[in-house]
Amino acid sequence: WLENLLGSLLGALEQLHEIGHLHGDIAPDNIILDAQGQPVLLDPG
């Protein structure tokens, strides 16, 4: 489960980095699971 979760988070983080931005606040309260159990990285602002 952790490996699957990590794979999605890395893809999301890489897209953010590709446009030259850091997230700056990655923490467990900023990662939420959607209805399919897929992680969503909140607050990239």
All heavy atoms as atom14 arrays in JSON, in Angstrom:
{
  "sequence": "WLENLLGSLLGALEQLHEIGHLHGDIAPDNIILDAQGQPVLLDPG",
  "atom14_mask": [
    [1, 1, 1, 1, 1, 1, 1, 1, 1, 1, 1, 1, 1, 1],
    [1, 1, 1, 1, 1, 1, 1, 1, 0, 0, 0, 0, 0, 0],
    [1, 1, 1, 1, 1, 1, 1, 1, 1, 0, 0, 0, 0, 0],
    [1, 1, 1, 1, 1, 1, 1, 1, 0, 0, 0, 0, 0, 0],
    [1, 1, 1, 1, 1, 1, 1, 1, 0, 0, 0, 0, 0, 0],
    [1, 1, 1, 1, 1, 1, 1, 1, 0, 0, 0, 0, 0, 0],
    [1, 1, 1, 1, 0, 0, 0, 0, 0, 0, 0, 0, 0, 0],
    [1, 1, 1, 1, 1, 1, 0, 0, 0, 0, 0, 0, 0, 0],
    [1, 1, 1, 1, 1, 1, 1, 1, 0, 0, 0, 0, 0, 0],
    [1, 1, 1, 1, 1, 1, 1, 1, 0, 0, 0, 0, 0, 0],
    [1, 1, 1, 1, 0, 0, 0, 0, 0, 0, 0, 0, 0, 0],
    [1, 1, 1, 1, 1, 0, 0, 0, 0, 0, 0, 0, 0, 0],
    [1, 1, 1, 1, 1, 1, 1, 1, 0, 0, 0, 0, 0, 0],
    [1, 1, 1, 1, 1, 1, 1, 1, 1, 0, 0, 0, 0, 0],
    [1, 1, 1, 1, 1, 1, 1, 1, 1, 0, 0, 0, 0, 0],
    [1, 1, 1, 1, 1, 1, 1, 1, 0, 0, 0, 0, 0, 0],
    [1, 1, 1, 1, 1, 1, 1, 1, 1, 1, 0, 0, 0, 0],
    [1, 1, 1, 1, 1, 1, 1, 1, 1, 0, 0, 0, 0, 0],
    [1, 1, 1, 1, 1, 1, 1, 1, 0, 0, 0, 0, 0, 0],
    [1, 1, 1, 1, 0, 0, 0, 0, 0, 0, 0, 0, 0, 0],
    [1, 1, 1, 1, 1, 1, 1, 1, 1, 1, 0, 0, 0, 0],
    [1, 1, 1, 1, 1, 1, 1, 1, 0, 0, 0, 0, 0, 0],
    [1, 1, 1, 1, 1, 1, 1, 1, 1, 1, 0, 0, 0, 0],
    [1, 1, 1, 1, 0, 0, 0, 0, 0, 0, 0, 0, 0, 0],
    [1, 1, 1, 1, 1, 1, 1, 1, 0, 0, 0, 0, 0, 0],
    [1, 1, 1, 1, 1, 1, 1, 1, 0, 0, 0, 0, 0, 0],
    [1, 1, 1, 1, 1, 0, 0, 0, 0, 0, 0, 0, 0, 0],
    [1, 1, 1, 1, 1, 1, 1, 0, 0, 0, 0, 0, 0, 0],
    [1, 1, 1, 1, 1, 1, 1, 1, 0, 0, 0, 0, 0, 0],
    [1, 1, 1, 1, 1, 1, 1, 1, 0, 0, 0, 0, 0, 0],
    [1, 1, 1, 1, 1, 1, 1, 1, 0, 0, 0, 0, 0, 0],
    [1, 1, 1, 1, 1, 1, 1, 1, 0, 0, 0, 0, 0, 0],
    [1, 1, 1, 1, 1, 1, 1, 1, 0, 0, 0, 0, 0, 0],
    [1, 1, 1, 1, 1, 1, 1, 1, 0, 0, 0, 0, 0, 0],
    [1, 1, 1, 1, 1, 0, 0, 0, 0, 0, 0, 0, 0, 0],
    [1, 1, 1, 1, 1, 1, 1, 1, 1, 0, 0, 0, 0, 0],
    [1, 1, 1, 1, 0, 0, 0, 0, 0, 0, 0, 0, 0, 0],
    [1, 1, 1, 1, 1, 1, 1, 1, 1, 0, 0, 0, 0, 0],
    [1, 1, 1, 1, 1, 1, 1, 0, 0, 0, 0, 0, 0, 0],
    [1, 1, 1, 1, 1, 1, 1, 0, 0, 0, 0, 0, 0, 0],
    [1, 1, 1, 1, 1, 1, 1, 1, 0, 0, 0, 0, 0, 0],
    [1, 1, 1, 1, 1, 1, 1, 1, 0, 0, 0, 0, 0, 0],
    [1, 1, 1, 1, 1, 1, 1, 1, 0, 0, 0, 0, 0, 0],
    [1, 1, 1, 1, 1, 1, 1, 0, 0, 0, 0, 0, 0, 0],
    [1, 1, 1, 1, 0, 0, 0, 0, 0, 0, 0, 0, 0, 0]
  ],
  "atom14_positions": [
    [[0.84, -1.2, 0.0], [0.0, 0.0, 0.0], [0.87, 1.25, 0.0], [0.61, 2.21, -0.72], [-0.9, -0.02, 1.24], [-1.73, 1.21, 1.41], [-2.95, 1.47, 0.87], [-1.38, 2.38, 2.18], [-3.4, 2.72, 1.26], [-2.46, 3.3, 2.07], [-0.28, 2.72, 2.96], [-2.46, 4.53, 2.7], [-0.28, 3.97, 3.6], [-1.36, 4.85, 3.46]],
    [[1.93, 1.23, 0.8], [2.82, 2.39, 0.88], [3.49, 2.66, -0.46], [3.61, 3.81, -0.89], [3.87, 2.15, 1.96], [4.81, 3.32, 2.23], [4.08, 4.43, 2.96], [6.02, 2.88, 3.05], [0.0, 0.0, 0.0], [0.0, 0.0, 0.0], [0.0, 0.0, 0.0], [0.0, 0.0, 0.0], [0.0, 0.0, 0.0], [0.0, 0.0, 0.0]],
    [[3.91, 1.62, -1.15], [4.57, 1.79, -2.44], [3.61, 2.39, -3.46], [3.99, 3.25, -4.25], [5.09, 0.43, -2.93], [5.92, 0.52, -4.2], [6.5, -0.82, -4.59], [5.76, -1.63, -5.2], [7.68, -1.08, -4.25], [0.0, 0.0, 0.0], [0.0, 0.0, 0.0], [0.0, 0.0, 0.0], [0.0, 0.0, 0.0], [0.0, 0.0, 0.0]],
    [[2.36, 1.94, -3.44], [1.37, 2.49, -4.36], [1.08, 3.95, -4.05], [0.97, 4.79, -4.95], [0.07, 1.66, -4.25], [-0.52, 1.33, -5.6], [-0.04, 1.76, -6.63], [-1.59, 0.56, -5.59], [0.0, 0.0, 0.0], [0.0, 0.0, 0.0], [0.0, 0.0, 0.0], [0.0, 0.0, 0.0], [0.0, 0.0, 0.0], [0.0, 0.0, 0.0]],
    [[0.96, 4.26, -2.78], [0.75, 5.63, -2.34], [1.9, 6.52, -2.77], [1.71, 7.61, -3.31], [0.6, 5.65, -0.81], [0.44, 7.02, -0.16], [-1.03, 7.25, 0.22], [1.3, 7.14, 1.1], [0.0, 0.0, 0.0], [0.0, 0.0, 0.0], [0.0, 0.0, 0.0], [0.0, 0.0, 0.0], [0.0, 0.0, 0.0], [0.0, 0.0, 0.0]],
    [[3.1, 6.04, -2.55], [4.3, 6.81, -2.86], [4.41, 7.08, -4.35], [4.8, 8.18, -4.76], [5.53, 6.06, -2.36], [6.89, 6.71, -2.59], [6.93, 8.11, -1.98], [7.99, 5.83, -2.01], [0.0, 0.0, 0.0], [0.0, 0.0, 0.0], [0.0, 0.0, 0.0], [0.0, 0.0, 0.0], [0.0, 0.0, 0.0], [0.0, 0.0, 0.0]],
    [[4.03, 6.09, -5.17], [4.12, 6.28, -6.62], [3.29, 7.44, -7.11], [3.72, 8.24, -7.95], [0.0, 0.0, 0.0], [0.0, 0.0, 0.0], [0.0, 0.0, 0.0], [0.0, 0.0, 0.0], [0.0, 0.0, 0.0], [0.0, 0.0, 0.0], [0.0, 0.0, 0.0], [0.0, 0.0, 0.0], [0.0, 0.0, 0.0], [0.0, 0.0, 0.0]],
    [[2.09, 7.59, -6.56], [1.22, 8.7, -6.96], [1.75, 10.03, -6.43], [1.75, 11.05, -7.13], [-0.2, 8.46, -6.45], [-1.05, 9.51, -6.83], [0.0, 0.0, 0.0], [0.0, 0.0, 0.0], [0.0, 0.0, 0.0], [0.0, 0.0, 0.0], [0.0, 0.0, 0.0], [0.0, 0.0, 0.0], [0.0, 0.0, 0.0], [0.0, 0.0, 0.0]],
    [[2.21, 10.04, -5.17], [2.73, 11.28, -4.59], [3.95, 11.78, -5.34], [4.11, 12.99, -5.56], [3.07, 11.05, -3.12], [1.89, 10.9, -2.16], [2.39, 10.55, -0.75], [1.04, 12.16, -2.12], [0.0, 0.0, 0.0], [0.0, 0.0, 0.0], [0.0, 0.0, 0.0], [0.0, 0.0, 0.0], [0.0, 0.0, 0.0], [0.0, 0.0, 0.0]],
    [[4.81, 10.87, -5.76], [6.0, 11.29, -6.5], [5.63, 11.9, -7.85], [6.23, 12.88, -8.29], [6.94, 10.09, -6.7], [7.7, 9.63, -5.46], [8.48, 8.35, -5.76], [8.64, 10.72, -4.94], [0.0, 0.0, 0.0], [0.0, 0.0, 0.0], [0.0, 0.0, 0.0], [0.0, 0.0, 0.0], [0.0, 0.0, 0.0], [0.0, 0.0, 0.0]],
    [[4.61, 11.32, -8.5], [4.16, 11.88, -9.77], [3.6, 13.28, -9.6], [3.86, 14.18, -10.4], [0.0, 0.0, 0.0], [0.0, 0.0, 0.0], [0.0, 0.0, 0.0], [0.0, 0.0, 0.0], [0.0, 0.0, 0.0], [0.0, 0.0, 0.0], [0.0, 0.0, 0.0], [0.0, 0.0, 0.0], [0.0, 0.0, 0.0], [0.0, 0.0, 0.0]],
    [[2.81, 13.47, -8.53], [2.23, 14.79, -8.26], [3.32, 15.81, -7.93], [3.32, 16.94, -8.44], [1.24, 14.69, -7.1], [0.0, 0.0, 0.0], [0.0, 0.0, 0.0], [0.0, 0.0, 0.0], [0.0, 0.0, 0.0], [0.0, 0.0, 0.0], [0.0, 0.0, 0.0], [0.0, 0.0, 0.0], [0.0, 0.0, 0.0], [0.0, 0.0, 0.0]],
    [[4.27, 15.41, -7.11], [5.34, 16.31, -6.7], [6.22, 16.68, -7.9], [6.64, 17.83, -8.04], [6.18, 15.65, -5.61], [7.21, 16.52, -4.9], [6.55, 17.74, -4.26], [7.95, 15.71, -3.85], [0.0, 0.0, 0.0], [0.0, 0.0, 0.0], [0.0, 0.0, 0.0], [0.0, 0.0, 0.0], [0.0, 0.0, 0.0], [0.0, 0.0, 0.0]],
    [[6.46, 15.71, -8.77], [7.3, 15.99, -9.94], [6.62, 17.0, -10.86], [7.29, 17.88, -11.42], [7.61, 14.71, -10.7], [8.63, 14.9, -11.81], [9.18, 13.59, -12.31], [8.4, 12.76, -12.78], [10.41, 13.39, -12.22], [0.0, 0.0, 0.0], [0.0, 0.0, 0.0], [0.0, 0.0, 0.0], [0.0, 0.0, 0.0], [0.0, 0.0, 0.0]],
    [[5.3, 16.91, -11.01], [4.62, 17.89, -11.86], [4.77, 19.3, -11.28], [4.98, 20.27, -12.0], [3.13, 17.57, -12.02], [2.45, 18.57, -12.95], [1.03, 18.21, -13.3], [0.11, 18.96, -12.96], [0.82, 17.1, -13.96], [0.0, 0.0, 0.0], [0.0, 0.0, 0.0], [0.0, 0.0, 0.0], [0.0, 0.0, 0.0], [0.0, 0.0, 0.0]],
    [[4.68, 19.41, -9.97], [4.87, 20.7, -9.33], [6.3, 21.21, -9.56], [6.51, 22.38, -9.88], [4.59, 20.57, -7.83], [4.39, 21.85, -7.02], [3.17, 22.62, -7.52], [4.23, 21.52, -5.54], [0.0, 0.0, 0.0], [0.0, 0.0, 0.0], [0.0, 0.0, 0.0], [0.0, 0.0, 0.0], [0.0, 0.0, 0.0], [0.0, 0.0, 0.0]],
    [[7.28, 20.32, -9.43], [8.67, 20.72, -9.63], [8.95, 21.09, -11.09], [9.8, 21.94, -11.37], [9.6, 19.59, -9.19], [9.63, 19.4, -7.7], [10.36, 18.39, -7.1], [9.03, 20.09, -6.7], [10.2, 18.48, -5.78], [9.39, 19.49, -5.52], [0.0, 0.0, 0.0], [0.0, 0.0, 0.0], [0.0, 0.0, 0.0], [0.0, 0.0, 0.0]],
    [[8.25, 20.44, -12.02], [8.49, 20.71, -13.43], [8.14, 22.14, -13.82], [8.66, 22.66, -14.82], [7.7, 19.71, -14.3], [8.34, 18.33, -14.35], [7.47, 17.3, -15.06], [6.28, 17.62, -15.35], [7.95, 16.18, -15.31], [0.0, 0.0, 0.0], [0.0, 0.0, 0.0], [0.0, 0.0, 0.0], [0.0, 0.0, 0.0], [0.0, 0.0, 0.0]],
    [[7.25, 22.78, -13.07], [6.95, 24.18, -13.36], [7.73, 25.12, -12.44], [7.44, 26.3, -12.34], [5.44, 24.47, -13.27], [4.89, 24.19, -11.86], [4.67, 23.67, -14.3], [3.45, 24.64, -11.68], [0.0, 0.0, 0.0], [0.0, 0.0, 0.0], [0.0, 0.0, 0.0], [0.0, 0.0, 0.0], [0.0, 0.0, 0.0], [0.0, 0.0, 0.0]],
    [[8.75, 24.57, -11.76], [9.67, 25.38, -10.99], [9.23, 25.76, -9.6], [9.72, 26.75, -9.05], [0.0, 0.0, 0.0], [0.0, 0.0, 0.0], [0.0, 0.0, 0.0], [0.0, 0.0, 0.0], [0.0, 0.0, 0.0], [0.0, 0.0, 0.0], [0.0, 0.0, 0.0], [0.0, 0.0, 0.0], [0.0, 0.0, 0.0], [0.0, 0.0, 0.0]],
    [[8.31, 25.0, -9.01], [7.81, 25.33, -7.68], [8.09, 24.23, -6.67], [8.04, 23.04, -6.99], [6.3, 25.6, -7.72], [5.95, 26.93, -8.26], [5.69, 28.03, -7.47], [5.86, 27.38, -9.53], [5.43, 29.08, -8.23], [5.52, 28.71, -9.48], [0.0, 0.0, 0.0], [0.0, 0.0, 0.0], [0.0, 0.0, 0.0], [0.0, 0.0, 0.0]],
    [[8.36, 24.67, -5.46], [8.45, 23.76, -4.32], [7.08, 23.7, -3.66], [6.32, 24.66, -3.71], [9.46, 24.27, -3.3], [10.86, 24.62, -3.8], [11.71, 25.11, -2.64], [11.49, 23.42, -4.47], [0.0, 0.0, 0.0], [0.0, 0.0, 0.0], [0.0, 0.0, 0.0], [0.0, 0.0, 0.0], [0.0, 0.0, 0.0], [0.0, 0.0, 0.0]],
    [[6.8, 22.58, -3.01], [5.57, 22.51, -2.22], [5.78, 23.28, -0.92], [5.02, 24.18, -0.56], [5.17, 21.07, -1.94], [3.86, 20.94, -1.23], [3.72, 21.23, 0.12], [2.64, 20.58, -1.66], [2.46, 21.05, 0.47], [1.78, 20.66, -0.59], [0.0, 0.0, 0.0], [0.0, 0.0, 0.0], [0.0, 0.0, 0.0], [0.0, 0.0, 0.0]],
    [[6.81, 22.9, -0.16], [7.18, 23.65, 1.03], [6.44, 23.29, 2.3], [6.79, 23.78, 3.37], [0.0, 0.0, 0.0], [0.0, 0.0, 0.0], [0.0, 0.0, 0.0], [0.0, 0.0, 0.0], [0.0, 0.0, 0.0], [0.0, 0.0, 0.0], [0.0, 0.0, 0.0], [0.0, 0.0, 0.0], [0.0, 0.0, 0.0], [0.0, 0.0, 0.0]],
    [[5.41, 22.43, 2.22], [4.64, 22.1, 3.43], [4.1, 20.67, 3.35], [2.95, 20.41, 3.7], [3.48, 23.1, 3.6], [2.81, 22.99, 4.97], [3.44, 22.47, 5.91], [1.64, 23.41, 5.08], [0.0, 0.0, 0.0], [0.0, 0.0, 0.0], [0.0, 0.0, 0.0], [0.0, 0.0, 0.0], [0.0, 0.0, 0.0], [0.0, 0.0, 0.0]],
    [[4.92, 19.74, 2.89], [4.5, 18.34, 2.83], [4.5, 17.77, 4.25], [5.51, 17.79, 4.95], [5.43, 17.52, 1.92], [5.36, 18.05, 0.49], [5.05, 16.04, 1.96], [6.33, 17.37, -0.47], [0.0, 0.0, 0.0], [0.0, 0.0, 0.0], [0.0, 0.0, 0.0], [0.0, 0.0, 0.0], [0.0, 0.0, 0.0], [0.0, 0.0, 0.0]],
    [[3.35, 17.29, 4.68], [3.17, 16.75, 6.02], [1.93, 15.86, 5.98], [1.11, 15.96, 5.05], [3.0, 17.88, 7.04], [0.0, 0.0, 0.0], [0.0, 0.0, 0.0], [0.0, 0.0, 0.0], [0.0, 0.0, 0.0], [0.0, 0.0, 0.0], [0.0, 0.0, 0.0], [0.0, 0.0, 0.0], [0.0, 0.0, 0.0], [0.0, 0.0, 0.0]],
    [[1.76, 14.97, 6.96], [0.63, 14.03, 6.9], [-0.74, 14.69, 6.93], [-1.71, 14.12, 6.43], [0.84, 13.14, 8.13], [1.8, 13.88, 9.0], [2.65, 14.68, 8.09], [0.0, 0.0, 0.0], [0.0, 0.0, 0.0], [0.0, 0.0, 0.0], [0.0, 0.0, 0.0], [0.0, 0.0, 0.0], [0.0, 0.0, 0.0], [0.0, 0.0, 0.0]],
    [[-0.84, 15.91, 7.47], [-2.14, 16.58, 7.47], [-2.41, 17.29, 6.16], [-3.51, 17.82, 5.95], [-2.26, 17.56, 8.64], [-1.19, 18.65, 8.6], [-0.17, 18.46, 7.9], [-1.35, 19.67, 9.29], [0.0, 0.0, 0.0], [0.0, 0.0, 0.0], [0.0, 0.0, 0.0], [0.0, 0.0, 0.0], [0.0, 0.0, 0.0], [0.0, 0.0, 0.0]],
    [[-1.44, 17.28, 5.24], [-1.62, 17.87, 3.92], [-1.69, 16.82, 2.83], [-1.56, 17.15, 1.65], [-0.48, 18.85, 3.62], [-0.84, 20.28, 4.02], [-2.02, 20.62, 4.13], [0.15, 21.12, 4.22], [0.0, 0.0, 0.0], [0.0, 0.0, 0.0], [0.0, 0.0, 0.0], [0.0, 0.0, 0.0], [0.0, 0.0, 0.0], [0.0, 0.0, 0.0]],
    [[-1.88, 15.58, 3.21], [-2.09, 14.5, 2.23], [-3.38, 13.8, 2.61], [-3.52, 13.28, 3.71], [-0.92, 13.49, 2.23], [0.4, 14.21, 1.9], [-1.18, 12.37, 1.22], [1.63, 13.34, 2.06], [0.0, 0.0, 0.0], [0.0, 0.0, 0.0], [0.0, 0.0, 0.0], [0.0, 0.0, 0.0], [0.0, 0.0, 0.0], [0.0, 0.0, 0.0]],
    [[-4.35, 13.82, 1.7], [-5.67, 13.25, 1.97], [-5.97, 12.17, 0.95], [-5.44, 12.2, -0.18], [-6.74, 14.37, 1.93], [-8.04, 13.91, 2.59], [-6.99, 14.86, 0.51], [-9.02, 15.05, 2.87], [0.0, 0.0, 0.0], [0.0, 0.0, 0.0], [0.0, 0.0, 0.0], [0.0, 0.0, 0.0], [0.0, 0.0, 0.0], [0.0, 0.0, 0.0]],
    [[-6.78, 11.19, 1.32], [-7.16, 10.13, 0.4], [-8.52, 10.46, -0.21], [-9.45, 10.86, 0.49], [-7.24, 8.8, 1.13], [-5.94, 8.34, 1.82], [-6.14, 6.97, 2.46], [-4.77, 8.32, 0.85], [0.0, 0.0, 0.0], [0.0, 0.0, 0.0], [0.0, 0.0, 0.0], [0.0, 0.0, 0.0], [0.0, 0.0, 0.0], [0.0, 0.0, 0.0]],
    [[-8.63, 10.29, -1.54], [-9.91, 10.56, -2.2], [-10.81, 9.33, -2.1], [-10.49, 8.36, -1.4], [-9.69, 11.0, -3.65], [-9.11, 9.9, -4.55], [-9.07, 8.72, -4.11], [-8.71, 10.22, -5.68], [0.0, 0.0, 0.0], [0.0, 0.0, 0.0], [0.0, 0.0, 0.0], [0.0, 0.0, 0.0], [0.0, 0.0, 0.0], [0.0, 0.0, 0.0]],
    [[-11.93, 9.36, -2.79], [-12.92, 8.29, -2.68], [-12.38, 6.95, -3.15], [-12.87, 5.89, -2.74], [-14.18, 8.67, -3.48], [0.0, 0.0, 0.0], [0.0, 0.0, 0.0], [0.0, 0.0, 0.0], [0.0, 0.0, 0.0], [0.0, 0.0, 0.0], [0.0, 0.0, 0.0], [0.0, 0.0, 0.0], [0.0, 0.0, 0.0], [0.0, 0.0, 0.0]],
    [[-11.37, 6.97, -4.01], [-10.75, 5.72, -4.5], [-9.53, 5.31, -3.66], [-8.85, 4.34, -3.99], [-10.33, 5.87, -5.97], [-11.49, 5.91, -6.96], [-12.27, 7.21, -6.91], [-11.66, 8.29, -6.88], [-13.58, 7.12, -6.89], [0.0, 0.0, 0.0], [0.0, 0.0, 0.0], [0.0, 0.0, 0.0], [0.0, 0.0, 0.0], [0.0, 0.0, 0.0]],
    [[-9.26, 6.04, -2.6], [-8.1, 5.74, -1.77], [-6.8, 6.26, -2.34], [-5.72, 5.91, -1.87], [0.0, 0.0, 0.0], [0.0, 0.0, 0.0], [0.0, 0.0, 0.0], [0.0, 0.0, 0.0], [0.0, 0.0, 0.0], [0.0, 0.0, 0.0], [0.0, 0.0, 0.0], [0.0, 0.0, 0.0], [0.0, 0.0, 0.0], [0.0, 0.0, 0.0]],
    [[-6.89, 7.13, -3.33], [-5.71, 7.7, -3.96], [-5.29, 8.97, -3.22], [-6.13, 9.79, -2.86], [-6.01, 8.03, -5.42], [-4.86, 8.66, -6.17], [-5.23, 8.97, -7.6], [-5.84, 8.16, -8.28], [-4.88, 10.16, -8.05], [0.0, 0.0, 0.0], [0.0, 0.0, 0.0], [0.0, 0.0, 0.0], [0.0, 0.0, 0.0], [0.0, 0.0, 0.0]],
    [[-3.99, 9.17, -2.97], [-3.56, 10.35, -2.22], [-3.62, 11.63, -3.04], [-3.35, 11.63, -4.24], [-2.11, 10.0, -1.86], [-1.65, 9.13, -2.99], [-2.86, 8.3, -3.35], [0.0, 0.0, 0.0], [0.0, 0.0, 0.0], [0.0, 0.0, 0.0], [0.0, 0.0, 0.0], [0.0, 0.0, 0.0], [0.0, 0.0, 0.0], [0.0, 0.0, 0.0]],
    [[-3.99, 12.7, -2.37], [-4.01, 14.04, -2.98], [-3.14, 14.94, -2.11], [-3.32, 15.0, -0.89], [-5.44, 14.6, -3.07], [-5.42, 16.0, -3.69], [-6.33, 13.67, -3.89], [0.0, 0.0, 0.0], [0.0, 0.0, 0.0], [0.0, 0.0, 0.0], [0.0, 0.0, 0.0], [0.0, 0.0, 0.0], [0.0, 0.0, 0.0], [0.0, 0.0, 0.0]],
    [[-2.2, 15.61, -2.73], [-1.25, 16.47, -2.04], [-1.83, 17.87, -1.94], [-1.9, 18.6, -2.94], [0.09, 16.48, -2.78], [1.28, 17.19, -2.16], [1.59, 16.65, -0.77], [2.49, 17.05, -3.07], [0.0, 0.0, 0.0], [0.0, 0.0, 0.0], [0.0, 0.0, 0.0], [0.0, 0.0, 0.0], [0.0, 0.0, 0.0], [0.0, 0.0, 0.0]],
    [[-2.3, 18.23, -0.75], [-2.96, 19.52, -0.56], [-1.96, 20.65, -0.36], [-0.8, 20.44, -0.07], [-3.88, 19.44, 0.66], [-4.97, 18.36, 0.63], [-5.75, 18.38, 1.94], [-5.91, 18.55, -0.55], [0.0, 0.0, 0.0], [0.0, 0.0, 0.0], [0.0, 0.0, 0.0], [0.0, 0.0, 0.0], [0.0, 0.0, 0.0], [0.0, 0.0, 0.0]],
    [[-2.46, 21.86, -0.52], [-1.72, 23.1, -0.21], [-0.39, 23.28, -0.93], [0.59, 23.74, -0.33], [-1.49, 23.22, 1.29], [-2.65, 23.92, 1.99], [-3.57, 24.38, 1.29], [-2.62, 24.02, 3.22], [0.0, 0.0, 0.0], [0.0, 0.0, 0.0], [0.0, 0.0, 0.0], [0.0, 0.0, 0.0], [0.0, 0.0, 0.0], [0.0, 0.0, 0.0]],
    [[-0.31, 22.96, -2.23], [0.94, 23.29, -2.93], [1.13, 24.79, -3.08], [2.17, 25.24, -3.51], [0.78, 22.61, -4.3], [-0.69, 22.46, -4.47], [-1.25, 22.25, -3.1], [0.0, 0.0, 0.0], [0.0, 0.0, 0.0], [0.0, 0.0, 0.0], [0.0, 0.0, 0.0], [0.0, 0.0, 0.0], [0.0, 0.0, 0.0], [0.0, 0.0, 0.0]],
    [[0.13, 25.58, -2.7], [0.28, 27.03, -2.73], [1.28, 27.54, -1.72], [1.68, 28.7, -1.78], [0.0, 0.0, 0.0], [0.0, 0.0, 0.0], [0.0, 0.0, 0.0], [0.0, 0.0, 0.0], [0.0, 0.0, 0.0], [0.0, 0.0, 0.0], [0.0, 0.0, 0.0], [0.0, 0.0, 0.0], [0.0, 0.0, 0.0], [0.0, 0.0, 0.0]]
  ]
}
